[in-house]
Structures are given as structure tokens and as C-alpha cells.
Amino acid sequence: MSRTLWPASGAWDSARSRIGRGECYGKVGGFVLFCGLGGLRGLSFDVQIRKVISTIGKLAVSATLIGYLFYRASNDEQFGMLVSRPKNWPLLLCALPICLFAVTITILRWNLLVRAIGLSFSVPQTLRAGFLGYLANLLPFGLVAGDSLKAVMLIHSNPLRKTEAVASVFVDRVLGLYALLLLAAGASLLLPEEALSRLADADRAAIVRLCWCVKAASLASSCLLAVMMIPAVTRSRLWDRLEHAPVVGKILHKLVTAMRTYRSRWDLLAAAIGMSFVIHLAYVSAFVVMTKSMVTAPEEQPAVGSLLIIVPPSMIAGALPIGSLEMVFWLLFRAASPPSAPPNMGLLIALGYRLIQICIATIGLGYWLTGRREVEEIMQEADETPPSLE
């Protein structure tokens, strides 16, 4: 059996020996990162160079974004006042269980997609993989992404159904993003005119342009999803030729392969999209709670409808290196807030959300501690041979 389906025993022995020799080192957030040559052995020199450059690039992007944000905050006299002024702590703490609820439903949505195509993966296994993936996604320079980690853990339970396992992770991510766009587009249609009239001219124009962008993106994605669900379309050999197209080829290949797996389950996809709306509304509710607990003056708070529009793009940016979510939310929150609002209020709220993420990630840390050796080996496998829809 090829290694793409199941790692050969020698690969496991090699991983264990490297761990035993201490070549896996450098702990970040409780995870062991395979730094230096110890985590890259067995790979070609070109692959090693690309991985090192990619890691350095992620570090540089995160450091640049975070450094810029804190530079702006340090030069703002009001930011220190924002941090020190009284807050509604009981209300602020309510954001934590709301976000935990959203994360848990996200993981259970993936379990729904997994079980619908007959893969063997229990709810406890799904929760373990999901929270470990959540923890991995918070690492700014982790060598393995959360989705890859989840896919490898699922493949280990279903070694002969690699394509379906990877498709479940990919479809879960796509449906989540699709529902996020639909929610933002729906909110843009319901945004009251008086909320826009409170904004400065430049900020109002920016929010209007954002509304048009999310509506266009949601319409385009809806059309694409409808087309992908037509059997004759996904069976066409044209997609096999487009697989080698630059930039979009690999994305189209993943999308078509995933739709071939799920195209007969409209009911399942509708249920997953419905769960996604619940998830995203929970996240928006958490940001509303944080805003009201930190921005005590009503005249400084943006409209709730505005938060429904600016939170989805910020959540999408959260898939990028750490600092991207903070940057996007800070810019959009400033544009959606009345002129009297402190300019860096959005940054403080985004940092509060990041702290909540870290608190939730401790659940993944607990799972890692209970099965440290196994998780380290799975992380290395996901890093050396990322799962793909082949």
C-alpha cells in the first residue's frame, strides 16, 4: 500500500526514533514543532527550502501586522484610557461560552459530513481532532494547519478512503465560508439608513462598497454551488484538464472532487449550511457582547447591523497569519463606528476575541497532553505529506 494512503511502518519507526533522539524540539503553545533538519528529514532539499521560507514568511507577516497595530496603539493616547476605563466584566465573560458553543457546533458540523458518507469517526474522536485542529490554527508559524491535522486523523481511522476523508474537511470549510458570505449579504440588505447616516462620508462610502462586494461574492458563490451540484457538470472531463491551470487549477480540482462526493446529499448540505448560520450568528453575538461591554457609551457604538457585515470578512481573515483578523476588524470597525468613537476601539475588541480563542484552545492542549506521542507523529505526517484530493 502506498504511503499516500497509509504511512509505512518504517515512517512511524523513523518518527519515533527522531522523537527519542530529541530532534523534535521547540514548544509553542504546548505543541512540539519539528524545527531544523529533524522535522524535515526524508524530504527533498527543494521541499525543505520551501517549507523554511514559508515558515519565515508567516512569521514575518504576523510580526509586521502585530507590530504595526501596537505601534498605532502606543501612539494613541486614548488607547491607554480604553484599556483602563471600567468595563462590564460579567457581560464580557459571556462572550467566552458563546464562542465555545460556536466552535463545538463547527466541529459537530464536520462530524455530520463525515458520517453522511459512511466514514468511521465517532463524536469523541471528532471533538478531539477538531479541538486539536483549532489549537494548530492558532500557531502563527506552525508547520501543520488545523485542516491537515484533522484530515490525517480521519484518514488514520479510514485508511482506504483518503479522498472522502479529505473531501469532508474541504466541504466543511467551503460551506462555512459560503454561509458567512450569505449572512453578511443578508445583513447588508437590512442595514438601516440611519446607521449609515451617522458615519463620515469616507467611512460610509467604504461600508457601502463592502456591502456590494459581499452581495456580489454571495451571488457568485451561490451560482457556482448550484452548478457544481449538477451531475453532468461534475462528471465532465473538462475539469480534469483544468486541474493543471495556473492559480485556480488545484482549487477547482478540490471543489469538483468534493462535489462528486456530496452531490447526492442536498439535505445534508442544507443542514450543514443551517448549522453554519447558527455558528456565525453566535460569533457575531460574541462580538456584539464584547462591543457593548467595552464601549459603554451608546453614541460610540456601531449599529448591530454593521457588525453583521464587518465580522464575516474579519473571520475570513482569521484563516491568515495571526494579526490579519486584528487588522481587518480594526479597519472595518473604525469605518462602521460613529466619528465620536475612539479610533482604536476595534483593535481592543479584536484582542479580546483573540484571548477568548486562546482560552478555548486550552481544550486542544488538554487533548494533546493526553496523547502527546501520537499527536506529534500525526503532526509530522501532516507536515511532510499534506493530505490532498488525489
Protein backbone atom coordinates (compact mmCIF):
# COMPACT_ATOMS: atom_id res chain seq x y z
CA MET A 1 0.00 0.00 0.00
CA SER A 2 1.37 3.42 -0.95
CA ARG A 3 2.33 5.94 1.69
CA THR A 4 -0.26 8.41 0.42
CA LEU A 5 -2.96 6.13 1.82
CA TRP A 6 -1.25 4.92 4.97
CA PRO A 7 2.22 5.58 6.31
CA ALA A 8 4.57 2.63 6.08
CA SER A 9 5.77 1.14 9.35
CA GLY A 10 9.24 2.49 8.65
CA ALA A 11 7.85 6.02 8.65
CA TRP A 12 6.42 5.53 12.13
CA ASP A 13 9.69 3.99 13.34
CA SER A 14 11.61 6.92 11.89
CA ALA A 15 9.31 9.42 13.59
CA ARG A 16 9.62 7.64 16.94
CA SER A 17 13.39 7.47 16.69
CA ARG A 18 13.61 11.17 15.91
CA ILE A 19 11.43 11.95 18.91
CA GLY A 20 13.57 9.69 21.06
CA ARG A 21 16.79 11.36 19.90
CA GLY A 22 15.39 14.78 20.75
CA GLU A 23 15.45 16.03 17.17
CA CYS A 24 11.89 17.29 17.57
CA TYR A 25 12.13 20.38 19.69
CA GLY A 26 10.81 23.91 20.18
CA LYS A 27 7.48 24.06 22.04
CA VAL A 28 4.92 26.68 21.16
CA GLY A 29 1.55 26.71 22.88
CA GLY A 30 2.11 23.14 24.08
CA PHE A 31 2.80 21.72 20.60
CA VAL A 32 6.15 20.25 19.59
CA LEU A 33 7.25 21.80 16.34
CA PHE A 34 9.64 19.89 14.18
CA CYS A 35 12.27 22.54 13.66
CA GLY A 36 15.59 22.29 11.85
CA LEU A 37 16.57 19.16 9.95
CA GLY A 38 14.86 16.84 12.44
CA GLY A 39 11.39 17.76 11.17
CA LEU A 40 12.44 17.93 7.53
CA ARG A 41 14.41 14.72 7.04
CA GLY A 42 13.14 12.47 4.32
CA LEU A 43 12.13 15.48 2.21
CA SER A 44 13.97 16.75 -0.82
CA PHE A 45 16.18 19.79 -0.44
CA ASP A 46 13.79 21.92 -2.53
CA VAL A 47 10.84 20.96 -0.31
CA GLN A 48 12.86 21.73 2.81
CA ILE A 49 13.75 25.17 1.46
CA ARG A 50 10.13 25.92 0.54
CA LYS A 51 8.91 24.90 4.00
CA VAL A 52 11.55 27.01 5.74
CA ILE A 53 10.75 30.02 3.53
CA SER A 54 7.01 29.54 4.12
CA THR A 55 7.50 29.42 7.89
CA ILE A 56 9.72 32.51 7.87
CA GLY A 57 7.18 34.29 5.68
CA LYS A 58 4.33 33.53 8.08
CA LEU A 59 6.43 34.76 10.98
CA ALA A 60 7.32 37.95 9.12
CA VAL A 61 3.72 38.70 8.17
CA SER A 62 2.44 38.10 11.71
CA ALA A 63 5.25 40.15 13.26
CA THR A 64 4.70 43.02 10.80
CA LEU A 65 0.93 43.18 11.31
CA ILE A 66 1.07 42.88 15.10
CA GLY A 67 3.96 45.34 15.31
CA TYR A 68 2.09 47.90 13.20
CA LEU A 69 -1.08 47.58 15.25
CA PHE A 70 0.73 48.00 18.55
CA TYR A 71 2.71 50.91 17.12
CA ARG A 72 -0.55 52.66 16.25
CA ALA A 73 -1.97 51.87 19.69
CA SER A 74 1.14 53.11 21.52
CA ASN A 75 0.89 56.46 19.72
CA ASP A 76 -2.78 56.84 20.59
CA GLU A 77 -3.31 58.46 23.99
CA GLN A 78 -6.92 57.28 24.01
CA PHE A 79 -5.93 53.60 23.74
CA GLY A 80 -4.47 53.55 27.24
CA MET A 81 -7.67 55.13 28.51
CA LEU A 82 -9.70 52.49 26.66
CA VAL A 83 -7.77 49.68 28.33
CA SER A 84 -8.02 51.16 31.81
CA ARG A 85 -11.56 52.51 31.81
CA PRO A 86 -14.32 50.47 33.53
CA LYS A 87 -15.85 47.58 31.62
CA ASN A 88 -18.89 45.40 32.10
CA TRP A 89 -16.93 42.27 33.06
CA PRO A 90 -19.90 39.91 33.62
CA LEU A 91 -21.19 40.78 30.15
CA LEU A 92 -17.71 40.47 28.63
CA LEU A 93 -17.22 36.99 30.11
CA CYS A 94 -20.43 35.88 28.41
CA ALA A 95 -18.56 36.04 25.10
CA LEU A 96 -16.43 33.03 26.10
CA PRO A 97 -19.24 30.41 26.32
CA ILE A 98 -20.81 31.86 23.18
CA CYS A 99 -17.57 31.33 21.22
CA LEU A 100 -17.10 27.87 22.76
CA PHE A 101 -20.62 26.97 21.62
CA ALA A 102 -19.78 28.16 18.09
CA VAL A 103 -16.55 26.14 17.98
CA THR A 104 -18.29 23.00 19.24
CA ILE A 105 -21.09 23.26 16.67
CA THR A 106 -18.44 23.79 13.97
CA ILE A 107 -16.77 20.52 14.93
CA LEU A 108 -20.10 18.67 15.06
CA ARG A 109 -20.94 20.01 11.59
CA TRP A 110 -17.83 18.27 10.31
CA ASN A 111 -18.93 15.07 12.08
CA LEU A 112 -22.26 15.31 10.21
CA LEU A 113 -20.42 15.47 6.88
CA VAL A 114 -18.10 12.63 7.88
CA ARG A 115 -20.82 10.21 8.95
CA ALA A 116 -23.05 11.02 5.98
CA ILE A 117 -20.59 9.39 3.58
CA GLY A 118 -20.08 6.35 5.80
CA LEU A 119 -16.70 7.16 7.31
CA SER A 120 -15.89 5.68 10.71
CA PHE A 121 -15.25 8.51 13.18
CA SER A 122 -17.10 8.81 16.48
CA VAL A 123 -18.21 12.06 18.10
CA PRO A 124 -15.45 11.88 20.77
CA GLN A 125 -12.86 11.32 18.01
CA THR A 126 -14.29 14.26 16.07
CA LEU A 127 -14.16 16.54 19.11
CA ARG A 128 -10.57 15.51 19.77
CA ALA A 129 -9.48 16.15 16.17
CA GLY A 130 -11.50 19.37 15.99
CA PHE A 131 -10.05 20.97 19.12
CA LEU A 132 -6.53 19.86 18.19
CA GLY A 133 -7.05 21.47 14.78
CA TYR A 134 -8.35 24.62 16.46
CA LEU A 135 -5.18 24.77 18.55
CA ALA A 136 -2.97 24.18 15.49
CA ASN A 137 -4.68 27.02 13.61
CA LEU A 138 -3.67 29.48 16.33
CA LEU A 139 0.04 28.82 15.81
CA PRO A 140 1.41 31.68 13.66
CA PHE A 141 4.32 29.57 12.44
CA GLY A 142 3.06 26.06 13.00
CA LEU A 143 4.22 23.59 10.37
CA VAL A 144 0.82 21.96 10.14
CA ALA A 145 -2.57 23.61 9.60
CA GLY A 146 -5.61 22.54 11.55
CA ASP A 147 -7.44 21.20 8.48
CA SER A 148 -4.48 19.00 7.51
CA LEU A 149 -4.27 17.65 11.04
CA LYS A 150 -7.99 16.81 11.06
CA ALA A 151 -7.77 15.11 7.67
CA VAL A 152 -4.81 12.95 8.69
CA MET A 153 -6.54 11.86 11.91
CA LEU A 154 -9.64 10.93 9.90
CA ILE A 155 -7.52 9.03 7.34
CA HIS A 156 -5.96 7.02 10.15
CA SER A 157 -9.42 5.71 11.04
CA ASN A 158 -10.33 5.19 7.36
CA PRO A 159 -7.07 4.33 5.57
CA LEU A 160 -8.75 3.09 2.38
CA ARG A 161 -10.95 6.17 1.89
CA LYS A 162 -8.49 9.02 1.77
CA THR A 163 -10.35 11.00 -0.93
CA GLU A 164 -13.63 11.01 1.01
CA ALA A 165 -11.84 11.95 4.23
CA VAL A 166 -10.14 14.97 2.69
CA ALA A 167 -13.34 15.93 0.85
CA SER A 168 -15.24 16.09 4.16
CA VAL A 169 -12.75 18.60 5.56
CA PHE A 170 -12.75 20.66 2.37
CA VAL A 171 -16.56 20.74 2.06
CA ASP A 172 -16.85 21.68 5.73
CA ARG A 173 -14.58 24.68 5.15
CA VAL A 174 -16.32 25.73 1.91
CA LEU A 175 -19.84 25.55 3.38
CA GLY A 176 -18.72 27.58 6.38
CA LEU A 177 -17.33 30.33 4.15
CA TYR A 178 -20.44 30.23 1.94
CA ALA A 179 -22.79 30.70 4.89
CA LEU A 180 -20.56 33.51 6.14
CA LEU A 181 -20.99 35.35 2.82
CA LEU A 182 -24.75 34.78 2.81
CA LEU A 183 -25.08 36.14 6.34
CA ALA A 184 -23.09 39.26 5.51
CA ALA A 185 -25.05 39.78 2.28
CA GLY A 186 -28.38 39.44 4.09
CA ALA A 187 -27.26 41.88 6.78
CA SER A 188 -26.21 44.41 4.12
CA LEU A 189 -29.76 44.38 2.73
CA LEU A 190 -31.20 45.09 6.18
CA LEU A 191 -28.71 47.73 7.27
CA PRO A 192 -30.78 50.79 8.28
CA GLU A 193 -30.11 54.06 6.50
CA GLU A 194 -29.89 55.97 9.79
CA ALA A 195 -26.95 53.76 10.80
CA LEU A 196 -25.08 54.85 7.68
CA SER A 197 -26.01 58.49 8.16
CA ARG A 198 -24.06 58.55 11.45
CA LEU A 199 -20.79 57.83 9.62
CA ALA A 200 -18.35 60.19 8.00
CA ASP A 201 -18.60 60.42 4.20
CA ALA A 202 -15.45 58.37 3.51
CA ASP A 203 -16.42 55.68 6.03
CA ARG A 204 -19.96 55.49 4.69
CA ALA A 205 -18.61 55.00 1.17
CA ALA A 206 -16.28 52.24 2.40
CA ILE A 207 -19.12 50.35 4.12
CA VAL A 208 -21.35 50.69 1.04
CA ARG A 209 -18.59 49.27 -1.17
CA LEU A 210 -18.11 46.40 1.27
CA CYS A 211 -21.85 45.67 1.14
CA TRP A 212 -21.74 45.47 -2.65
CA CYS A 213 -18.69 43.20 -2.52
CA VAL A 214 -20.26 40.68 -0.13
CA LYS A 215 -23.50 40.65 -2.11
CA ALA A 216 -21.62 40.01 -5.35
CA ALA A 217 -19.49 37.30 -3.73
CA SER A 218 -22.51 35.56 -2.21
CA LEU A 219 -24.38 35.63 -5.53
CA ALA A 220 -21.38 34.26 -7.43
CA SER A 221 -20.76 31.51 -4.88
CA SER A 222 -24.46 30.53 -4.90
CA CYS A 223 -24.40 30.19 -8.69
CA LEU A 224 -21.19 28.16 -8.54
CA LEU A 225 -22.59 25.84 -5.87
CA ALA A 226 -25.77 25.27 -7.89
CA VAL A 227 -23.74 24.43 -11.00
CA MET A 228 -21.44 22.09 -9.06
CA MET A 229 -24.44 20.09 -7.85
CA ILE A 230 -25.45 19.16 -11.42
CA PRO A 231 -24.17 15.59 -12.03
CA ALA A 232 -23.40 16.17 -15.72
CA VAL A 233 -21.21 19.13 -14.80
CA THR A 234 -19.07 17.41 -12.19
CA ARG A 235 -18.68 14.30 -14.40
CA SER A 236 -17.28 16.33 -17.29
CA ARG A 237 -13.68 15.54 -18.23
CA LEU A 238 -13.10 19.25 -18.75
CA TRP A 239 -12.35 19.58 -15.03
CA ASP A 240 -9.53 17.08 -15.36
CA ARG A 241 -7.92 19.31 -17.97
CA LEU A 242 -8.48 22.46 -15.91
CA GLU A 243 -6.72 20.82 -12.98
CA HIS A 244 -3.39 21.92 -14.46
CA ALA A 245 -4.46 25.54 -14.99
CA PRO A 246 -2.33 28.07 -13.11
CA VAL A 247 -3.57 29.53 -9.81
CA VAL A 248 -7.14 28.15 -9.89
CA GLY A 249 -6.43 24.64 -11.16
CA LYS A 250 -5.84 22.96 -7.80
CA ILE A 251 -8.78 24.78 -6.19
CA LEU A 252 -11.15 23.66 -8.97
CA HIS A 253 -9.86 20.10 -8.69
CA LYS A 254 -10.57 20.03 -4.93
CA LEU A 255 -14.01 21.60 -5.38
CA VAL A 256 -15.12 19.22 -8.14
CA THR A 257 -13.82 16.13 -6.32
CA ALA A 258 -15.64 17.19 -3.15
CA MET A 259 -18.89 17.88 -5.02
CA ARG A 260 -18.69 14.45 -6.68
CA THR A 261 -18.68 13.01 -3.18
CA TYR A 262 -21.62 15.03 -1.80
CA ARG A 263 -23.73 15.99 -4.83
CA SER A 264 -26.48 13.45 -4.00
CA ARG A 265 -26.92 14.77 -0.46
CA TRP A 266 -28.77 18.07 -0.84
CA ASP A 267 -30.45 17.51 2.53
CA LEU A 268 -27.08 17.09 4.22
CA LEU A 269 -25.59 20.20 2.62
CA ALA A 270 -28.66 22.24 3.57
CA ALA A 271 -28.38 21.04 7.18
CA ALA A 272 -24.66 21.91 7.25
CA ILE A 273 -25.39 25.39 5.88
CA GLY A 274 -28.11 25.84 8.51
CA MET A 275 -25.65 24.88 11.23
CA SER A 276 -23.19 27.36 9.74
CA PHE A 277 -25.71 30.19 10.13
CA VAL A 278 -26.09 29.29 13.80
CA ILE A 279 -22.29 29.25 14.18
CA HIS A 280 -21.74 32.62 12.53
CA LEU A 281 -24.62 34.28 14.36
CA ALA A 282 -23.03 33.05 17.59
CA TYR A 283 -19.70 34.63 16.62
CA VAL A 284 -21.41 37.91 15.70
CA SER A 285 -23.28 37.79 19.03
CA ALA A 286 -19.95 37.38 20.81
CA PHE A 287 -18.59 40.50 19.09
CA VAL A 288 -21.78 42.39 19.94
CA VAL A 289 -21.39 41.37 23.59
CA MET A 290 -17.72 42.42 23.63
CA THR A 291 -18.57 45.73 21.98
CA LYS A 292 -21.30 46.58 24.46
CA SER A 293 -19.15 45.53 27.42
CA MET A 294 -16.13 47.59 26.32
CA VAL A 295 -17.83 50.55 24.61
CA THR A 296 -20.06 51.76 27.40
CA ALA A 297 -21.23 54.95 25.66
CA PRO A 298 -24.14 54.16 23.27
CA GLU A 299 -23.23 57.06 20.99
CA GLU A 300 -19.81 55.46 20.34
CA GLN A 301 -21.15 52.02 19.41
CA PRO A 302 -21.63 50.95 15.78
CA ALA A 303 -25.03 49.59 14.76
CA VAL A 304 -25.58 45.89 15.35
CA GLY A 305 -26.36 45.54 11.65
CA SER A 306 -22.93 46.93 10.85
CA LEU A 307 -21.30 44.24 12.99
CA LEU A 308 -23.15 41.60 10.97
CA ILE A 309 -21.35 42.97 7.91
CA ILE A 310 -17.85 43.58 9.28
CA VAL A 311 -17.46 40.42 11.40
CA PRO A 312 -17.64 37.90 8.46
CA PRO A 313 -14.72 39.44 6.50
CA SER A 314 -12.75 39.57 9.75
CA MET A 315 -13.44 35.89 10.42
CA ILE A 316 -12.29 35.02 6.90
CA ALA A 317 -9.09 36.97 7.56
CA GLY A 318 -8.66 34.85 10.69
CA ALA A 319 -7.56 31.98 8.44
CA LEU A 320 -4.47 34.03 7.52
CA PRO A 321 -1.41 34.55 9.76
CA ILE A 322 -2.07 35.97 13.23
CA GLY A 323 -2.57 39.72 13.03
CA SER A 324 -4.74 39.59 9.90
CA LEU A 325 -8.02 39.32 11.82
CA GLU A 326 -6.98 42.15 14.13
CA MET A 327 -6.03 44.37 11.20
CA VAL A 328 -9.22 43.77 9.19
CA PHE A 329 -11.57 44.12 12.16
CA TRP A 330 -9.80 47.29 13.34
CA LEU A 331 -10.15 48.92 9.90
CA LEU A 332 -13.79 47.88 9.39
CA PHE A 333 -14.85 48.66 12.96
CA ARG A 334 -13.36 52.15 12.65
CA ALA A 335 -15.24 52.68 9.38
CA ALA A 336 -18.54 51.43 10.87
CA SER A 337 -18.28 53.45 14.10
CA PRO A 338 -19.59 56.99 14.61
CA PRO A 339 -17.00 59.80 14.29
CA SER A 340 -17.02 60.29 18.08
CA ALA A 341 -15.83 56.69 18.73
CA PRO A 342 -12.18 56.10 19.74
CA PRO A 343 -10.21 55.15 16.59
CA ASN A 344 -8.56 52.05 18.10
CA MET A 345 -11.61 50.61 19.83
CA GLY A 346 -11.84 47.85 17.22
CA LEU A 347 -8.28 46.75 17.98
CA LEU A 348 -9.08 46.31 21.67
CA ILE A 349 -12.16 44.22 20.83
CA ALA A 350 -10.18 42.08 18.37
CA LEU A 351 -7.51 41.44 21.01
CA GLY A 352 -10.26 40.42 23.43
CA TYR A 353 -11.54 37.92 20.87
CA ARG A 354 -8.00 36.57 20.39
CA LEU A 355 -7.73 35.98 24.15
CA ILE A 356 -11.02 34.07 24.03
CA GLN A 357 -9.60 31.90 21.24
CA ILE A 358 -6.56 31.12 23.37
CA CYS A 359 -8.80 30.10 26.27
CA ILE A 360 -10.78 27.73 24.03
CA ALA A 361 -7.54 26.34 22.56
CA THR A 362 -6.59 25.04 26.01
CA ILE A 363 -9.13 22.26 25.37
CA GLY A 364 -6.99 21.17 22.42
CA LEU A 365 -3.94 21.44 24.65
CA GLY A 366 -5.58 19.01 27.07
CA TYR A 367 -6.19 16.54 24.25
CA TRP A 368 -2.55 16.92 23.19
CA LEU A 369 -1.27 16.24 26.69
CA THR A 370 -3.31 13.04 26.96
CA GLY A 371 -1.91 11.62 23.71
CA ARG A 372 1.27 13.58 23.15
CA ARG A 373 3.31 10.97 21.28
CA GLU A 374 0.53 10.05 18.88
CA VAL A 375 -0.31 13.69 18.10
CA GLU A 376 3.33 14.57 17.46
CA GLU A 377 3.63 11.74 14.95
CA ILE A 378 0.38 12.74 13.23
CA MET A 379 1.54 16.35 13.06
CA GLN A 380 4.77 15.32 11.39
CA GLU A 381 2.94 13.16 8.87
CA ALA A 382 0.54 16.00 8.04
CA ASP A 383 3.51 18.33 7.58
CA GLU A 384 5.63 16.01 5.45
CA THR A 385 2.78 14.66 3.30
CA PRO A 386 -0.19 17.05 3.44
CA PRO A 387 -3.43 15.22 2.56
CA SER A 388 -4.89 16.10 -0.82
CA LEU A 389 -7.79 15.11 -3.04
CA GLU A 390 -5.81 12.83 -5.33
